[in-house]
Amino acid sequence: MIDWSKARRLTLPNLKPSLKTISLRLSEAMIEPLKVLANRNDVPYQTLIKIILAERLEEELRAVVR
């Protein structure tokens, strides 16, 4: 049970947004196959780009640790 009478207001001034918008220019020759792959996986192509980047980043970071 929560005793709200003992609650205190908390301020978190150093919180940062979890996402940052960036601008990325890609050739149409790259975007079209991304859209096809994204459609096959039933995800938006921007999401597919994030998945691919995350996977590659993980690979690169593992290679650095070795």
C-alpha atoms as a PDB file:
ATOM      1  CA  MET A   1       0.000   0.000   0.000  1.00  0.00           C
ATOM      2  CA  ILE A   2       1.306   3.476  -0.803  1.00  0.00           C
ATOM      3  CA  ASP A   3       1.193   6.160   1.867  1.00  0.00           C
ATOM      4  CA  TRP A   4       0.817   9.303  -0.271  1.00  0.00           C
ATOM      5  CA  SER A   5       1.117  11.527   2.820  1.00  0.00           C
ATOM      6  CA  LYS A   6       4.843  10.671   2.937  1.00  0.00           C
ATOM      7  CA  ALA A   7       5.417  11.262  -0.768  1.00  0.00           C
ATOM      8  CA  ARG A   8       7.867  13.954  -1.882  1.00  0.00           C
ATOM      9  CA  ARG A   9       8.030  15.761  -5.207  1.00  0.00           C
ATOM     10  CA  LEU A  10      11.168  14.791  -7.112  1.00  0.00           C
ATOM     11  CA  THR A  11      12.864  16.881  -9.782  1.00  0.00           C
ATOM     12  CA  LEU A  12      15.167  15.149 -12.258  1.00  0.00           C
ATOM     13  CA  PRO A  13      16.980  17.997 -14.034  1.00  0.00           C
ATOM     14  CA  ASN A  14      19.565  15.836 -15.811  1.00  0.00           C
ATOM     15  CA  LEU A  15      17.144  13.608 -17.700  1.00  0.00           C
ATOM     16  CA  LYS A  16      17.749  13.617 -21.426  1.00  0.00           C
ATOM     17  CA  PRO A  17      15.377  12.491 -24.137  1.00  0.00           C
ATOM     18  CA  SER A  18      15.923   8.881 -25.106  1.00  0.00           C
ATOM     19  CA  LEU A  19      15.796   9.644 -28.818  1.00  0.00           C
ATOM     20  CA  LYS A  20      17.470  12.263 -30.932  1.00  0.00           C
ATOM     21  CA  THR A  21      16.309  13.165 -34.398  1.00  0.00           C
ATOM     22  CA  ILE A  22      18.991  13.208 -37.064  1.00  0.00           C
ATOM     23  CA  SER A  23      18.965  13.888 -40.754  1.00  0.00           C
ATOM     24  CA  LEU A  24      20.483  11.238 -42.986  1.00  0.00           C
ATOM     25  CA  ARG A  25      20.751  11.484 -46.750  1.00  0.00           C
ATOM     26  CA  LEU A  26      20.562   8.161 -48.579  1.00  0.00           C
ATOM     27  CA  SER A  27      20.495   7.468 -52.279  1.00  0.00           C
ATOM     28  CA  GLU A  28      17.280   6.187 -53.789  1.00  0.00           C
ATOM     29  CA  ALA A  29      19.279   3.105 -54.796  1.00  0.00           C
ATOM     30  CA  MET A  30      19.666   2.336 -51.064  1.00  0.00           C
ATOM     31  CA  ILE A  31      16.180   3.355 -49.986  1.00  0.00           C
ATOM     32  CA  GLU A  32      14.236   1.214 -52.442  1.00  0.00           C
ATOM     33  CA  PRO A  33      15.727  -2.152 -51.365  1.00  0.00           C
ATOM     34  CA  LEU A  34      15.339  -1.068 -47.735  1.00  0.00           C
ATOM     35  CA  LYS A  35      11.643  -0.478 -48.359  1.00  0.00           C
ATOM     36  CA  VAL A  36      11.300  -3.900 -50.015  1.00  0.00           C
ATOM     37  CA  LEU A  37      13.038  -5.632 -47.089  1.00  0.00           C
ATOM     38  CA  ALA A  38      11.020  -3.649 -44.577  1.00  0.00           C
ATOM     39  CA  ASN A  39       7.804  -4.612 -46.336  1.00  0.00           C
ATOM     40  CA  ARG A  40       8.797  -8.293 -46.202  1.00  0.00           C
ATOM     41  CA  ASN A  41       9.422  -7.961 -42.468  1.00  0.00           C
ATOM     42  CA  ASP A  42       6.251  -5.900 -41.960  1.00  0.00           C
ATOM     43  CA  VAL A  43       8.090  -2.954 -40.366  1.00  0.00           C
ATOM     44  CA  PRO A  44       8.535   0.665 -41.475  1.00  0.00           C
ATOM     45  CA  TYR A  45      11.757   1.185 -43.398  1.00  0.00           C
ATOM     46  CA  GLN A  46      13.039   3.695 -40.846  1.00  0.00           C
ATOM     47  CA  THR A  47      12.668   1.017 -38.174  1.00  0.00           C
ATOM     48  CA  LEU A  48      14.542  -1.448 -40.364  1.00  0.00           C
ATOM     49  CA  ILE A  49      17.382   1.068 -40.726  1.00  0.00           C
ATOM     50  CA  LYS A  50      17.563   1.371 -36.921  1.00  0.00           C
ATOM     51  CA  ILE A  51      17.610  -2.424 -36.551  1.00  0.00           C
ATOM     52  CA  ILE A  52      20.400  -2.788 -39.103  1.00  0.00           C
ATOM     53  CA  LEU A  53      22.418   0.003 -37.488  1.00  0.00           C
ATOM     54  CA  ALA A  54      21.967  -1.492 -34.015  1.00  0.00           C
ATOM     55  CA  GLU A  55      23.078  -4.944 -35.203  1.00  0.00           C
ATOM     56  CA  ARG A  56      26.119  -3.568 -36.997  1.00  0.00           C
ATOM     57  CA  LEU A  57      27.050  -1.354 -34.065  1.00  0.00           C
ATOM     58  CA  GLU A  58      26.926  -4.373 -31.769  1.00  0.00           C
ATOM     59  CA  GLU A  59      29.194  -6.317 -34.164  1.00  0.00           C
ATOM     60  CA  GLU A  60      31.683  -3.463 -34.378  1.00  0.00           C
ATOM     61  CA  LEU A  61      31.755  -3.005 -30.604  1.00  0.00           C
ATOM     62  CA  ARG A  62      32.319  -6.749 -30.080  1.00  0.00           C
ATOM     63  CA  ALA A  63      35.222  -6.611 -32.557  1.00  0.00           C
ATOM     64  CA  VAL A  64      36.829  -3.770 -30.593  1.00  0.00           C
ATOM     65  CA  VAL A  65      36.575  -5.693 -27.310  1.00  0.00           C
ATOM     66  CA  ARG A  66      38.403  -8.754 -28.674  1.00  0.00           C
END
